[in-house]
Amino acid sequence: MKWNLRMVAAHRDIWRPTDLLAAFKDVGFNPSLSKVAALWGSTPVTIRLDDLDKICTALNCTVADLLEAEAVAAVPVADQMPQAVGDRENRSGPTRPTPRRDGPRRLLPPN
C-alpha cells in the first residue's frame, strides 16, 4: 500500500505536520505531535480504523485517497525456492543424529 497523506494534505494547503495537527484538532482528533510527524514522514505499519476515519474527516477525503494499492512483487517459482532442511530430494548427509562411537557420555557426580 502507498501512503498518500502528504499529497492529500497538500491538496488542502497543509504543508507541515503542525498544520495537520491543527486540522486534526478541529475535528476532535488529538494525537501527539510526534504521532502526526510519524504519519507525515513515513508509511505506518498499522493504523487504527477510527484514527483513519478521523484523518479522512479532517482532510475531507476518502480512504482510497490516503491508501493506494501497489502491485505485489512476483512470487518465486517452486524451482527457485530454497530447499528445506531434510528435504528428501537433496540428501547430502545423514538426516538423523548418529550415536557416539565411544559410547554414551558419562557425567561424573559433583564432588
PDB file of N, CA and C in Angstrom:
ATOM      1  N   MET A   1       0.840  -1.183   0.000  1.00  0.00           N
ATOM      2  CA  MET A   1       0.000   0.000   0.000  1.00  0.00           C
ATOM      3  C   MET A   1       0.884   1.243   0.000  1.00  0.00           C
ATOM      4  N   LYS A   2       0.449   2.239  -0.715  1.00  0.00           N
ATOM      5  CA  LYS A   2       1.158   3.507  -0.761  1.00  0.00           C
ATOM      6  C   LYS A   2       0.394   4.509   0.097  1.00  0.00           C
ATOM      7  N   TRP A   3       1.092   5.178   0.987  1.00  0.00           N
ATOM      8  CA  TRP A   3       0.520   6.135   1.935  1.00  0.00           C
ATOM      9  C   TRP A   3       0.619   7.528   1.331  1.00  0.00           C
ATOM     10  N   ASN A   4      -0.517   8.148   1.032  1.00  0.00           N
ATOM     11  CA  ASN A   4      -0.564   9.427   0.347  1.00  0.00           C
ATOM     12  C   ASN A   4      -0.969  10.584   1.250  1.00  0.00           C
ATOM     13  N   LEU A   5      -0.663  10.553   2.514  1.00  0.00           N
ATOM     14  CA  LEU A   5      -1.092  11.606   3.432  1.00  0.00           C
ATOM     15  C   LEU A   5      -0.555  12.970   3.017  1.00  0.00           C
ATOM     16  N   ARG A   6       0.702  13.044   2.663  1.00  0.00           N
ATOM     17  CA  ARG A   6       1.294  14.342   2.310  1.00  0.00           C
ATOM     18  C   ARG A   6       0.665  14.925   1.046  1.00  0.00           C
ATOM     19  N   MET A   7       0.361  14.078   0.076  1.00  0.00           N
ATOM     20  CA  MET A   7      -0.263  14.552  -1.156  1.00  0.00           C
ATOM     21  C   MET A   7      -1.684  15.050  -0.886  1.00  0.00           C
ATOM     22  N   VAL A   8      -2.435  14.300  -0.116  1.00  0.00           N
ATOM     23  CA  VAL A   8      -3.809  14.708   0.212  1.00  0.00           C
ATOM     24  C   VAL A   8      -3.786  15.997   1.023  1.00  0.00           C
ATOM     25  N   ALA A   9      -2.858  16.101   1.959  1.00  0.00           N
ATOM     26  CA  ALA A   9      -2.742  17.317   2.765  1.00  0.00           C
ATOM     27  C   ALA A   9      -2.335  18.506   1.893  1.00  0.00           C
ATOM     28  N   ALA A  10      -1.463  18.286   0.926  1.00  0.00           N
ATOM     29  CA  ALA A  10      -1.029  19.376   0.048  1.00  0.00           C
ATOM     30  C   ALA A  10      -2.191  19.905  -0.784  1.00  0.00           C
ATOM     31  N   HIS A  11      -3.101  19.039  -1.176  1.00  0.00           N
ATOM     32  CA  HIS A  11      -4.283  19.489  -1.910  1.00  0.00           C
ATOM     33  C   HIS A  11      -5.182  20.369  -1.044  1.00  0.00           C
ATOM     34  N   ARG A  12      -5.050  20.262   0.273  1.00  0.00           N
ATOM     35  CA  ARG A  12      -5.834  21.085   1.216  1.00  0.00           C
ATOM     36  C   ARG A  12      -5.002  22.242   1.771  1.00  0.00           C
ATOM     37  N   ASP A  13      -3.870  22.549   1.152  1.00  0.00           N
ATOM     38  CA  ASP A  13      -2.957  23.622   1.589  1.00  0.00           C
ATOM     39  C   ASP A  13      -2.399  23.396   2.988  1.00  0.00           C
ATOM     40  N   ILE A  14      -2.103  22.171   3.300  1.00  0.00           N
ATOM     41  CA  ILE A  14      -1.449  21.820   4.559  1.00  0.00           C
ATOM     42  C   ILE A  14      -0.062  21.321   4.184  1.00  0.00           C
ATOM     43  N   TRP A  15       0.965  22.036   4.670  1.00  0.00           N
ATOM     44  CA  TRP A  15       2.329  21.745   4.239  1.00  0.00           C
ATOM     45  C   TRP A  15       3.244  21.264   5.348  1.00  0.00           C
ATOM     46  N   ARG A  16       2.802  21.329   6.604  1.00  0.00           N
ATOM     47  CA  ARG A  16       3.651  20.921   7.732  1.00  0.00           C
ATOM     48  C   ARG A  16       2.851  20.081   8.717  1.00  0.00           C
ATOM     49  N   PRO A  17       3.532  19.229   9.464  1.00  0.00           N
ATOM     50  CA  PRO A  17       2.829  18.411  10.464  1.00  0.00           C
ATOM     51  C   PRO A  17       2.089  19.252  11.504  1.00  0.00           C
ATOM     52  N   THR A  18       2.614  20.430  11.851  1.00  0.00           N
ATOM     53  CA  THR A  18       1.920  21.265  12.836  1.00  0.00           C
ATOM     54  C   THR A  18       0.594  21.784  12.281  1.00  0.00           C
ATOM     55  N   ASP A  19       0.562  22.091  10.974  1.00  0.00           N
ATOM     56  CA  ASP A  19      -0.701  22.495  10.349  1.00  0.00           C
ATOM     57  C   ASP A  19      -1.686  21.336  10.308  1.00  0.00           C
ATOM     58  N   LEU A  20      -1.176  20.150  10.059  1.00  0.00           N
ATOM     59  CA  LEU A  20      -2.020  18.962  10.050  1.00  0.00           C
ATOM     60  C   LEU A  20      -2.581  18.688  11.434  1.00  0.00           C
ATOM     61  N   LEU A  21      -1.768  18.891  12.462  1.00  0.00           N
ATOM     62  CA  LEU A  21      -2.233  18.711  13.834  1.00  0.00           C
ATOM     63  C   LEU A  21      -3.371  19.672  14.144  1.00  0.00           C
ATOM     64  N   ALA A  22      -3.286  20.902  13.664  1.00  0.00           N
ATOM     65  CA  ALA A  22      -4.365  21.870  13.878  1.00  0.00           C
ATOM     66  C   ALA A  22      -5.645  21.421  13.168  1.00  0.00           C
ATOM     67  N   ALA A  23      -5.525  20.865  11.961  1.00  0.00           N
ATOM     68  CA  ALA A  23      -6.705  20.363  11.239  1.00  0.00           C
ATOM     69  C   ALA A  23      -7.321  19.178  11.982  1.00  0.00           C
ATOM     70  N   PHE A  24      -6.480  18.339  12.567  1.00  0.00           N
ATOM     71  CA  PHE A  24      -6.984  17.211  13.343  1.00  0.00           C
ATOM     72  C   PHE A  24      -7.749  17.685  14.575  1.00  0.00           C
ATOM     73  N   LYS A  25      -7.219  18.685  15.247  1.00  0.00           N
ATOM     74  CA  LYS A  25      -7.868  19.181  16.468  1.00  0.00           C
ATOM     75  C   LYS A  25      -9.214  19.823  16.166  1.00  0.00           C
ATOM     76  N   ASP A  26      -9.381  20.354  14.950  1.00  0.00           N
ATOM     77  CA  ASP A  26     -10.669  20.944  14.567  1.00  0.00           C
ATOM     78  C   ASP A  26     -11.786  19.915  14.513  1.00  0.00           C
ATOM     79  N   VAL A  27     -11.451  18.652  14.241  1.00  0.00           N
ATOM     80  CA  VAL A  27     -12.472  17.595  14.186  1.00  0.00           C
ATOM     81  C   VAL A  27     -12.488  16.733  15.446  1.00  0.00           C
ATOM     82  N   GLY A  28     -11.730  17.132  16.469  1.00  0.00           N
ATOM     83  CA  GLY A  28     -11.737  16.393  17.730  1.00  0.00           C
ATOM     84  C   GLY A  28     -10.764  15.232  17.795  1.00  0.00           C
ATOM     85  N   PHE A  29      -9.812  15.178  16.902  1.00  0.00           N
ATOM     86  CA  PHE A  29      -8.784  14.143  16.901  1.00  0.00           C
ATOM     87  C   PHE A  29      -7.530  14.762  17.493  1.00  0.00           C
ATOM     88  N   ASN A  30      -7.066  14.243  18.627  1.00  0.00           N
ATOM     89  CA  ASN A  30      -5.972  14.864  19.370  1.00  0.00           C
ATOM     90  C   ASN A  30      -4.763  13.947  19.523  1.00  0.00           C
ATOM     91  N   PRO A  31      -4.080  13.596  18.433  1.00  0.00           N
ATOM     92  CA  PRO A  31      -2.850  12.816  18.578  1.00  0.00           C
ATOM     93  C   PRO A  31      -1.705  13.726  18.995  1.00  0.00           C
ATOM     94  N   SER A  32      -0.635  13.126  19.444  1.00  0.00           N
ATOM     95  CA  SER A  32       0.542  13.912  19.804  1.00  0.00           C
ATOM     96  C   SER A  32       1.237  14.397  18.525  1.00  0.00           C
ATOM     97  N   LEU A  33       2.048  15.424  18.668  1.00  0.00           N
ATOM     98  CA  LEU A  33       2.777  15.940  17.519  1.00  0.00           C
ATOM     99  C   LEU A  33       3.750  14.892  16.971  1.00  0.00           C
ATOM    100  N   SER A  34       4.317  14.075  17.849  1.00  0.00           N
ATOM    101  CA  SER A  34       5.234  13.030  17.380  1.00  0.00           C
ATOM    102  C   SER A  34       4.501  11.980  16.542  1.00  0.00           C
ATOM    103  N   LYS A  35       3.254  11.659  16.921  1.00  0.00           N
ATOM    104  CA  LYS A  35       2.472  10.710  16.125  1.00  0.00           C
ATOM    105  C   LYS A  35       2.131  11.304  14.764  1.00  0.00           C
ATOM    106  N   VAL A  36       1.772  12.580  14.734  1.00  0.00           N
ATOM    107  CA  VAL A  36       1.459  13.246  13.466  1.00  0.00           C
ATOM    108  C   VAL A  36       2.710  13.307  12.592  1.00  0.00           C
ATOM    109  N   ALA A  37       3.851  13.613  13.198  1.00  0.00           N
ATOM    110  CA  ALA A  37       5.104  13.673  12.443  1.00  0.00           C
ATOM    111  C   ALA A  37       5.461  12.296  11.881  1.00  0.00           C
ATOM    112  N   ALA A  38       5.185  11.234  12.635  1.00  0.00           N
ATOM    113  CA  ALA A  38       5.450   9.881  12.146  1.00  0.00           C
ATOM    114  C   ALA A  38       4.526   9.541  10.980  1.00  0.00           C
ATOM    115  N   LEU A  39       3.259   9.917  11.073  1.00  0.00           N
ATOM    116  CA  LEU A  39       2.323   9.698   9.971  1.00  0.00           C
ATOM    117  C   LEU A  39       2.727  10.516   8.749  1.00  0.00           C
ATOM    118  N   TRP A  40       3.243  11.705   8.988  1.00  0.00           N
ATOM    119  CA  TRP A  40       3.639  12.612   7.919  1.00  0.00           C
ATOM    120  C   TRP A  40       4.897  12.119   7.197  1.00  0.00           C
ATOM    121  N   GLY A  41       5.839  11.584   7.954  1.00  0.00           N
ATOM    122  CA  GLY A  41       7.150  11.262   7.401  1.00  0.00           C
ATOM    123  C   GLY A  41       7.314   9.872   6.840  1.00  0.00           C
ATOM    124  N   SER A  42       6.466   8.939   7.217  1.00  0.00           N
ATOM    125  CA  SER A  42       6.650   7.569   6.737  1.00  0.00           C
ATOM    126  C   SER A  42       5.312   6.850   6.675  1.00  0.00           C
ATOM    127  N   THR A  43       5.329   5.712   6.011  1.00  0.00           N
ATOM    128  CA  THR A  43       4.124   4.896   5.906  1.00  0.00           C
ATOM    129  C   THR A  43       3.924   4.127   7.205  1.00  0.00           C
ATOM    130  N   PRO A  44       2.758   4.248   7.831  1.00  0.00           N
ATOM    131  CA  PRO A  44       2.543   3.498   9.076  1.00  0.00           C
ATOM    132  C   PRO A  44       2.381   2.007   8.790  1.00  0.00           C
ATOM    133  N   VAL A  45       2.884   1.190   9.704  1.00  0.00           N
ATOM    134  CA  VAL A  45       2.736  -0.253   9.569  1.00  0.00           C
ATOM    135  C   VAL A  45       1.297  -0.644   9.861  1.00  0.00           C
ATOM    136  N   THR A  46       0.736  -0.047  10.904  1.00  0.00           N
ATOM    137  CA  THR A  46      -0.662  -0.253  11.258  1.00  0.00           C
ATOM    138  C   THR A  46      -1.284   1.095  11.579  1.00  0.00           C
ATOM    139  N   ILE A  47      -2.591   1.155  11.434  1.00  0.00           N
ATOM    140  CA  ILE A  47      -3.310   2.358  11.826  1.00  0.00           C
ATOM    141  C   ILE A  47      -4.707   1.932  12.259  1.00  0.00           C
ATOM    142  N   ARG A  48      -5.171   2.504  13.327  1.00  0.00           N
ATOM    143  CA  ARG A  48      -6.499   2.172  13.826  1.00  0.00           C
ATOM    144  C   ARG A  48      -7.555   2.719  12.887  1.00  0.00           C
ATOM    145  N   LEU A  49      -8.633   1.973  12.722  1.00  0.00           N
ATOM    146  CA  LEU A  49      -9.676   2.390  11.793  1.00  0.00           C
ATOM    147  C   LEU A  49     -10.358   3.675  12.233  1.00  0.00           C
ATOM    148  N   ASP A  50     -10.547   3.846  13.533  1.00  0.00           N
ATOM    149  CA  ASP A  50     -11.179   5.091  13.980  1.00  0.00           C
ATOM    150  C   ASP A  50     -10.249   6.286  13.761  1.00  0.00           C
ATOM    151  N   ASP A  51      -8.925   6.092  13.889  1.00  0.00           N
ATOM    152  CA  ASP A  51      -7.974   7.161  13.569  1.00  0.00           C
ATOM    153  C   ASP A  51      -8.003   7.469  12.074  1.00  0.00           C
ATOM    154  N   LEU A  52      -8.089   6.440  11.252  1.00  0.00           N
ATOM    155  CA  LEU A  52      -8.162   6.634   9.812  1.00  0.00           C
ATOM    156  C   LEU A  52      -9.420   7.404   9.429  1.00  0.00           C
ATOM    157  N   ASP A  53     -10.516   7.098  10.087  1.00  0.00           N
ATOM    158  CA  ASP A  53     -11.772   7.811   9.843  1.00  0.00           C
ATOM    159  C   ASP A  53     -11.645   9.284  10.221  1.00  0.00           C
ATOM    160  N   LYS A  54     -10.994   9.567  11.336  1.00  0.00           N
ATOM    161  CA  LYS A  54     -10.815  10.960  11.773  1.00  0.00           C
ATOM    162  C   LYS A  54      -9.865  11.716  10.853  1.00  0.00           C
ATOM    163  N   ILE A  55      -8.832  11.040  10.345  1.00  0.00           N
ATOM    164  CA  ILE A  55      -7.914  11.672   9.391  1.00  0.00           C
ATOM    165  C   ILE A  55      -8.675  12.037   8.119  1.00  0.00           C
ATOM    166  N   CYS A  56      -9.506  11.119   7.640  1.00  0.00           N
ATOM    167  CA  CYS A  56     -10.298  11.390   6.435  1.00  0.00           C
ATOM    168  C   CYS A  56     -11.284  12.532   6.667  1.00  0.00           C
ATOM    169  N   THR A  57     -11.873  12.614   7.839  1.00  0.00           N
ATOM    170  CA  THR A  57     -12.791  13.709   8.157  1.00  0.00           C
ATOM    171  C   THR A  57     -12.049  15.035   8.185  1.00  0.00           C
ATOM    172  N   ALA A  58     -10.879  15.066   8.793  1.00  0.00           N
ATOM    173  CA  ALA A  58     -10.109  16.306   8.899  1.00  0.00           C
ATOM    174  C   ALA A  58      -9.645  16.804   7.534  1.00  0.00           C
ATOM    175  N   LEU A  59      -9.307  15.870   6.637  1.00  0.00           N
ATOM    176  CA  LEU A  59      -8.793  16.256   5.322  1.00  0.00           C
ATOM    177  C   LEU A  59      -9.872  16.255   4.241  1.00  0.00           C
ATOM    178  N   ASN A  60     -11.101  15.901   4.619  1.00  0.00           N
ATOM    179  CA  ASN A  60     -12.224  15.849   3.682  1.00  0.00           C
ATOM    180  C   ASN A  60     -11.863  14.980   2.472  1.00  0.00           C
ATOM    181  N   CYS A  61     -11.459  13.747   2.769  1.00  0.00           N
ATOM    182  CA  CYS A  61     -11.056  12.809   1.724  1.00  0.00           C
ATOM    183  C   CYS A  61     -11.611  11.434   2.052  1.00  0.00           C
ATOM    184  N   THR A  62     -11.316  10.470   1.195  1.00  0.00           N
ATOM    185  CA  THR A  62     -11.722   9.087   1.432  1.00  0.00           C
ATOM    186  C   THR A  62     -10.485   8.244   1.744  1.00  0.00           C
ATOM    187  N   VAL A  63     -10.731   7.037   2.194  1.00  0.00           N
ATOM    188  CA  VAL A  63      -9.632   6.107   2.474  1.00  0.00           C
ATOM    189  C   VAL A  63      -8.876   5.800   1.180  1.00  0.00           C
ATOM    190  N   ALA A  64      -9.595   5.744   0.071  1.00  0.00           N
ATOM    191  CA  ALA A  64      -8.953   5.474  -1.221  1.00  0.00           C
ATOM    192  C   ALA A  64      -7.995   6.598  -1.609  1.00  0.00           C
ATOM    193  N   ASP A  65      -8.251   7.813  -1.131  1.00  0.00           N
ATOM    194  CA  ASP A  65      -7.323   8.915  -1.396  1.00  0.00           C
ATOM    195  C   ASP A  65      -6.032   8.738  -0.590  1.00  0.00           C
ATOM    196  N   LEU A  66      -6.162   8.250   0.639  1.00  0.00           N
ATOM    197  CA  LEU A  66      -4.991   8.090   1.513  1.00  0.00           C
ATOM    198  C   LEU A  66      -4.183   6.843   1.202  1.00  0.00           C
ATOM    199  N   LEU A  67      -4.845   5.760   0.883  1.00  0.00           N
ATOM    200  CA  LEU A  67      -4.177   4.480   0.656  1.00  0.00           C
ATOM    201  C   LEU A  67      -4.363   4.057  -0.793  1.00  0.00           C
ATOM    202  N   GLU A  68      -3.262   3.824  -1.476  1.00  0.00           N
ATOM    203  CA  GLU A  68      -3.300   3.410  -2.866  1.00  0.00           C
ATOM    204  C   GLU A  68      -2.645   2.043  -2.987  1.00  0.00           C
ATOM    205  N   ALA A  69      -3.359   1.109  -3.589  1.00  0.00           N
ATOM    206  CA  ALA A  69      -2.821  -0.244  -3.751  1.00  0.00           C
ATOM    207  C   ALA A  69      -1.702  -0.234  -4.776  1.00  0.00           C
ATOM    208  N   GLU A  70      -0.614  -0.956  -4.458  1.00  0.00           N
ATOM    209  CA  GLU A  70       0.506  -1.102  -5.373  1.00  0.00           C
ATOM    210  C   GLU A  70       0.587  -2.550  -5.828  1.00  0.00           C
ATOM    211  N   ALA A  71       1.222  -2.780  -6.952  1.00  0.00           N
ATOM    212  CA  ALA A  71       1.388  -4.136  -7.462  1.00  0.00           C
ATOM    213  C   ALA A  71       2.275  -4.939  -6.520  1.00  0.00           C
ATOM    214  N   VAL A  72       1.931  -6.193  -6.338  1.00  0.00           N
ATOM    215  CA  VAL A  72       2.703  -7.084  -5.470  1.00  0.00           C
ATOM    216  C   VAL A  72       3.841  -7.678  -6.277  1.00  0.00           C
ATOM    217  N   ALA A  73       5.004  -7.818  -5.655  1.00  0.00           N
ATOM    218  CA  ALA A  73       6.159  -8.420  -6.332  1.00  0.00           C
ATOM    219  C   ALA A  73       5.846  -9.867  -6.680  1.00  0.00           C
ATOM    220  N   ALA A  74       6.408 -10.339  -7.780  1.00  0.00           N
ATOM    221  CA  ALA A  74       6.167 -11.707  -8.238  1.00  0.00           C
ATOM    222  C   ALA A  74       6.695 -12.715  -7.235  1.00  0.00           C
ATOM    223  N   VAL A  75       5.922 -13.764  -7.011  1.00  0.00           N
ATOM    224  CA  VAL A  75       6.312 -14.832  -6.093  1.00  0.00           C
ATOM    225  C   VAL A  75       7.229 -15.792  -6.850  1.00  0.00           C
ATOM    226  N   PRO A  76       8.371 -16.202  -6.255  1.00  0.00           N
ATOM    227  CA  PRO A  76       9.286 -17.108  -6.960  1.00  0.00           C
ATOM    228  C   PRO A  76       8.631 -18.460  -7.253  1.00  0.00           C
ATOM    229  N   VAL A  77       9.015 -19.046  -8.350  1.00  0.00           N
ATOM    230  CA  VAL A  77       8.519 -20.357  -8.755  1.00  0.00           C
ATOM    231  C   VAL A  77       9.122 -21.406  -7.822  1.00  0.00           C
ATOM    232  N   ALA A  78       8.442 -22.539  -7.680  1.00  0.00           N
ATOM    233  CA  ALA A  78       8.891 -23.581  -6.751  1.00  0.00           C
ATOM    234  C   ALA A  78      10.307 -24.054  -7.059  1.00  0.00           C
ATOM    235  N   ASP A  79      10.723 -24.029  -8.327  1.00  0.00           N
ATOM    236  CA  ASP A  79      12.075 -24.469  -8.671  1.00  0.00           C
ATOM    237  C   ASP A  79      13.125 -23.527  -8.106  1.00  0.00           C
ATOM    238  N   GLN A  80      12.777 -22.278  -7.912  1.00  0.00           N
ATOM    239  CA  GLN A  80      13.726 -21.287  -7.428  1.00  0.00           C
ATOM    240  C   GLN A  80      13.697 -21.142  -5.912  1.00  0.00           C
ATOM    241  N   MET A  81      12.776 -21.822  -5.285  1.00  0.00           N
ATOM    242  CA  MET A  81      12.653 -21.728  -3.833  1.00  0.00           C
ATOM    243  C   MET A  81      13.797 -22.493  -3.174  1.00  0.00           C
ATOM    244  N   PRO A  82      14.326 -21.989  -2.053  1.00  0.00           N
ATOM    245  CA  PRO A  82      15.371 -22.736  -1.346  1.00  0.00           C
ATOM    246  C   PRO A  82      14.796 -24.027  -0.769  1.00  0.00           C
ATOM    247  N   GLN A  83      15.621 -25.048  -0.739  1.00  0.00           N
ATOM    248  CA  GLN A  83      15.189 -26.342  -0.233  1.00  0.00           C
ATOM    249  C   GLN A  83      15.169 -26.344   1.283  1.00  0.00           C
ATOM    250  N   ALA A  84      14.202 -27.012   1.846  1.00  0.00           N
ATOM    251  CA  ALA A  84      14.088 -27.121   3.287  1.00  0.00           C
ATOM    252  C   ALA A  84      15.128 -28.108   3.808  1.00  0.00           C
ATOM    253  N   VAL A  85      15.517 -27.938   5.046  1.00  0.00           N
ATOM    254  CA  VAL A  85      16.460 -28.853   5.678  1.00  0.00           C
ATOM    255  C   VAL A  85      15.788 -30.212   5.799  1.00  0.00           C
ATOM    256  N   GLY A  86      16.491 -31.255   5.399  1.00  0.00           N
ATOM    257  CA  GLY A  86      15.939 -32.602   5.485  1.00  0.00           C
ATOM    258  C   GLY A  86      15.049 -32.959   4.312  1.00  0.00           C
ATOM    259  N   ASP A  87      15.083 -32.159   3.241  1.00  0.00           N
ATOM    260  CA  ASP A  87      14.271 -32.439   2.063  1.00  0.00           C
ATOM    261  C   ASP A  87      14.722 -33.768   1.456  1.00  0.00           C
ATOM    262  N   ARG A  88      13.817 -34.620   1.075  1.00  0.00           N
ATOM    263  CA  ARG A  88      14.127 -35.965   0.603  1.00  0.00           C
ATOM    264  C   ARG A  88      14.904 -35.958  -0.710  1.00  0.00           C
ATOM    265  N   GLU A  89      14.696 -34.979  -1.561  1.00  0.00           N
ATOM    266  CA  GLU A  89      15.383 -34.957  -2.844  1.00  0.00           C
ATOM    267  C   GLU A  89      16.842 -34.553  -2.715  1.00  0.00           C
ATOM    268  N   ASN A  90      17.184 -33.886  -1.659  1.00  0.00           N
ATOM    269  CA  ASN A  90      18.516 -33.277  -1.557  1.00  0.00           C
ATOM    270  C   ASN A  90      19.247 -33.812  -0.334  1.00  0.00           C
ATOM    271  N   ARG A  91      19.546 -35.101  -0.313  1.00  0.00           N
ATOM    272  CA  ARG A  91      20.230 -35.684   0.841  1.00  0.00           C
ATOM    273  C   ARG A  91      21.716 -35.745   0.577  1.00  0.00           C
ATOM    274  N   SER A  92      22.463 -34.934   1.282  1.00  0.00           N
ATOM    275  CA  SER A  92      23.909 -34.973   1.123  1.00  0.00           C
ATOM    276  C   SER A  92      24.579 -35.610   2.335  1.00  0.00           C
ATOM    277  N   GLY A  93      23.853 -35.844   3.393  1.00  0.00           N
ATOM    278  CA  GLY A  93      24.410 -36.438   4.592  1.00  0.00           C
ATOM    279  C   GLY A  93      23.296 -37.040   5.429  1.00  0.00           C
ATOM    280  N   PRO A  94      23.634 -37.582   6.602  1.00  0.00           N
ATOM    281  CA  PRO A  94      22.587 -38.172   7.435  1.00  0.00           C
ATOM    282  C   PRO A  94      21.619 -37.096   7.933  1.00  0.00           C
ATOM    283  N   THR A  95      20.350 -37.459   7.960  1.00  0.00           N
ATOM    284  CA  THR A  95      19.340 -36.507   8.412  1.00  0.00           C
ATOM    285  C   THR A  95      19.008 -36.684   9.881  1.00  0.00           C
ATOM    286  N   ARG A  96      19.421 -37.809  10.448  1.00  0.00           N
ATOM    287  CA  ARG A  96      19.155 -38.057  11.865  1.00  0.00           C
ATOM    288  C   ARG A  96      20.482 -38.077  12.615  1.00  0.00           C
ATOM    289  N   PRO A  97      20.470 -37.743  13.881  1.00  0.00           N
ATOM    290  CA  PRO A  97      21.715 -37.794  14.653  1.00  0.00           C
ATOM    291  C   PRO A  97      22.217 -39.235  14.773  1.00  0.00           C
ATOM    292  N   THR A  98      23.518 -39.379  14.784  1.00  0.00           N
ATOM    293  CA  THR A  98      24.107 -40.709  14.944  1.00  0.00           C
ATOM    294  C   THR A  98      24.712 -40.816  16.336  1.00  0.00           C
ATOM    295  N   PRO A  99      24.653 -42.002  16.941  1.00  0.00           N
ATOM    296  CA  PRO A  99      25.215 -42.157  18.287  1.00  0.00           C
ATOM    297  C   PRO A  99      26.732 -42.023  18.258  1.00  0.00           C
ATOM    298  N   ARG A 100      27.293 -41.662  19.393  1.00  0.00           N
ATOM    299  CA  ARG A 100      28.748 -41.536  19.511  1.00  0.00           C
ATOM    300  C   ARG A 100      29.394 -42.901  19.380  1.00  0.00           C
ATOM    301  N   ARG A 101      30.582 -42.918  18.790  1.00  0.00           N
ATOM    302  CA  ARG A 101      31.283 -44.180  18.606  1.00  0.00           C
ATOM    303  C   ARG A 101      31.888 -44.690  19.909  1.00  0.00           C
ATOM    304  N   ASP A 102      32.254 -43.781  20.785  1.00  0.00           N
ATOM    305  CA  ASP A 102      32.901 -44.206  22.032  1.00  0.00           C
ATOM    306  C   ASP A 102      31.883 -44.444  23.145  1.00  0.00           C
ATOM    307  N   GLY A 103      30.623 -44.596  22.804  1.00  0.00           N
ATOM    308  CA  GLY A 103      29.592 -44.873  23.794  1.00  0.00           C
ATOM    309  C   GLY A 103      28.973 -43.599  24.333  1.00  0.00           C
ATOM    310  N   PRO A 104      27.972 -43.734  25.196  1.00  0.00           N
ATOM    311  CA  PRO A 104      27.304 -42.550  25.730  1.00  0.00           C
ATOM    312  C   PRO A 104      28.239 -41.764  26.648  1.00  0.00           C
ATOM    313  N   ARG A 105      28.031 -40.500  26.703  1.00  0.00           N
ATOM    314  CA  ARG A 105      28.847 -39.630  27.555  1.00  0.00           C
ATOM    315  C   ARG A 105      28.412 -39.801  28.998  1.00  0.00           C
ATOM    316  N   ARG A 106      29.373 -40.053  29.859  1.00  0.00           N
ATOM    317  CA  ARG A 106      29.045 -40.260  31.267  1.00  0.00           C
ATOM    318  C   ARG A 106      29.528 -39.076  32.073  1.00  0.00           C
ATOM    319  N   LEU A 107      28.607 -38.507  32.795  1.00  0.00           N
ATOM    320  CA  LEU A 107      28.937 -37.371  33.634  1.00  0.00           C
ATOM    321  C   LEU A 107      29.331 -37.851  35.019  1.00  0.00           C
ATOM    322  N   LEU A 108      30.334 -37.211  35.576  1.00  0.00           N
ATOM    323  CA  LEU A 108      30.758 -37.536  36.945  1.00  0.00           C
ATOM    324  C   LEU A 108      29.917 -36.721  37.916  1.00  0.00           C
ATOM    325  N   PRO A 109      29.595 -37.316  39.068  1.00  0.00           N
ATOM    326  CA  PRO A 109      28.844 -36.529  40.070  1.00  0.00           C
ATOM    327  C   PRO A 109      29.708 -35.426  40.627  1.00  0.00           C
ATOM    328  N   PRO A 110      29.092 -34.330  41.063  1.00  0.00           N
ATOM    329  CA  PRO A 110      29.896 -33.233  41.643  1.00  0.00           C
ATOM    330  C   PRO A 110      30.520 -33.682  42.966  1.00  0.00           C
ATOM    331  N   ASN A 111      31.705 -33.181  43.245  1.00  0.00           N
ATOM    332  CA  ASN A 111      32.411 -33.532  44.491  1.00  0.00           C
ATOM    333  C   ASN A 111      32.198 -32.512  45.564  1.00  0.00           C
TER     334      ASN A 111
END
